[in-house]
Amino acid sequence: MANTTTANTKKTKSTHPVSDKVQDSLHESIDNLAEKTASTENKLRNAAQTSAESLSAKQKEVQDKWQQSAVKKYATENPVATAGIAFAAGVLLTSLLRRK
């Protein structure tokens, strides 16, 4: 019975016109905000998808270049020399960074 009374109260003219206007205004504002948020979310999702595809293509390109590079060929043919060169470069870089 309480539901019937509540439904009947909502159907009748409200005695609070100011609060009804505020309520309607807030509902409209929330609806507008929801639409703008949905639009922005779609734009962000599309941008992320495009960026992911671009990054994937760039990664593939770099991997292809690495597979064909002379550095990779030298490193696989001379692993001990490569490790020595890397160690020497690390020592040199460390000594340069400690001076500052």
Protein backbone atom coordinates (compact mmCIF):
# COMPACT_ATOMS: atom_id res chain seq x y z
CA MET A 1 0.00 0.00 0.00
CA ALA A 2 2.93 2.33 0.63
CA ASN A 3 3.99 1.94 -3.01
CA THR A 4 0.57 3.06 -4.21
CA THR A 5 0.70 6.14 -2.02
CA THR A 6 4.20 6.99 -3.26
CA ALA A 7 3.16 6.55 -6.88
CA ASN A 8 0.10 8.73 -6.38
CA THR A 9 2.23 11.41 -4.72
CA LYS A 10 4.62 11.50 -7.68
CA LYS A 11 1.75 11.87 -10.15
CA THR A 12 0.29 14.87 -8.37
CA LYS A 13 1.59 18.40 -8.73
CA SER A 14 4.65 18.99 -6.57
CA THR A 15 4.52 21.59 -3.85
CA HIS A 16 8.25 22.29 -4.24
CA PRO A 17 8.72 23.98 -7.62
CA VAL A 18 12.22 25.30 -6.86
CA SER A 19 13.60 21.95 -5.78
CA ASP A 20 11.89 20.31 -8.78
CA LYS A 21 13.64 22.75 -11.12
CA VAL A 22 16.96 22.11 -9.40
CA GLN A 23 16.40 18.37 -9.65
CA ASP A 24 15.54 18.60 -13.35
CA SER A 25 18.58 20.79 -13.97
CA LEU A 26 20.85 18.35 -12.16
CA HIS A 27 19.44 15.40 -14.10
CA GLU A 28 20.03 17.25 -17.35
CA SER A 29 23.57 18.18 -16.32
CA ILE A 30 24.37 14.57 -15.42
CA ASP A 31 22.96 13.34 -18.72
CA ASN A 32 25.10 15.87 -20.62
CA LEU A 33 28.16 14.90 -18.61
CA ALA A 34 27.52 11.21 -19.31
CA GLU A 35 27.30 11.89 -23.06
CA LYS A 36 30.52 13.90 -23.07
CA THR A 37 32.29 11.27 -20.98
CA ALA A 38 31.21 8.51 -23.36
CA SER A 39 32.43 10.53 -26.32
CA THR A 40 35.78 11.22 -24.67
CA GLU A 41 36.16 7.56 -23.69
CA ASN A 42 35.59 6.49 -27.29
CA LYS A 43 38.18 9.00 -28.53
CA LEU A 44 40.71 7.76 -25.96
CA ARG A 45 40.08 4.12 -26.85
CA ASN A 46 40.55 4.87 -30.56
CA ALA A 47 43.75 6.81 -29.86
CA ALA A 48 45.09 3.99 -27.69
CA GLN A 49 44.29 1.43 -30.37
CA THR A 50 46.02 3.52 -33.03
CA SER A 51 49.03 4.04 -30.78
CA ALA A 52 49.26 0.33 -30.02
CA GLU A 53 49.17 -0.53 -33.71
CA SER A 54 51.80 2.09 -34.49
CA LEU A 55 54.02 0.88 -31.66
CA SER A 56 53.66 -2.72 -32.80
CA ALA A 57 54.66 -1.79 -36.35
CA LYS A 58 57.66 0.18 -35.08
CA GLN A 59 58.71 -2.74 -32.88
CA LYS A 60 58.54 -5.11 -35.84
CA GLU A 61 60.64 -2.68 -37.90
CA VAL A 62 63.31 -2.43 -35.18
CA GLN A 63 63.42 -6.21 -34.78
CA ASP A 64 63.89 -6.64 -38.52
CA LYS A 65 66.73 -4.10 -38.51
CA TRP A 66 68.38 -5.86 -35.56
CA GLN A 67 68.18 -9.23 -37.29
CA GLN A 68 69.99 -7.77 -40.31
CA SER A 69 72.53 -5.64 -38.43
CA ALA A 70 76.27 -6.16 -38.45
CA VAL A 71 76.38 -5.65 -34.68
CA LYS A 72 74.18 -8.69 -34.09
CA LYS A 73 76.28 -10.74 -36.50
CA TYR A 74 79.50 -9.71 -34.71
CA ALA A 75 77.99 -10.34 -31.25
CA THR A 76 76.86 -13.86 -32.17
CA GLU A 77 80.19 -14.71 -33.82
CA ASN A 78 82.35 -13.20 -31.03
CA PRO A 79 80.49 -13.41 -27.70
CA VAL A 80 83.60 -13.11 -25.49
CA ALA A 81 84.85 -10.01 -27.32
CA THR A 82 81.37 -8.51 -27.15
CA ALA A 83 81.26 -9.05 -23.37
CA GLY A 84 84.72 -7.44 -23.05
CA ILE A 85 83.65 -4.43 -25.09
CA ALA A 86 80.49 -4.03 -22.99
CA PHE A 87 82.51 -4.28 -19.77
CA ALA A 88 85.03 -1.69 -20.97
CA ALA A 89 82.25 0.67 -22.04
CA GLY A 90 80.62 0.29 -18.62
CA VAL A 91 83.86 1.04 -16.79
CA LEU A 92 84.47 4.10 -18.97
CA LEU A 93 80.94 5.39 -18.51
CA THR A 94 81.07 4.84 -14.73
CA SER A 95 84.35 6.73 -14.44
CA LEU A 96 82.96 9.62 -16.46
CA LEU A 97 79.78 9.82 -14.38
CA ARG A 98 81.67 9.73 -11.06
CA ARG A 99 83.71 12.81 -11.99
CA LYS A 100 80.66 15.08 -11.97
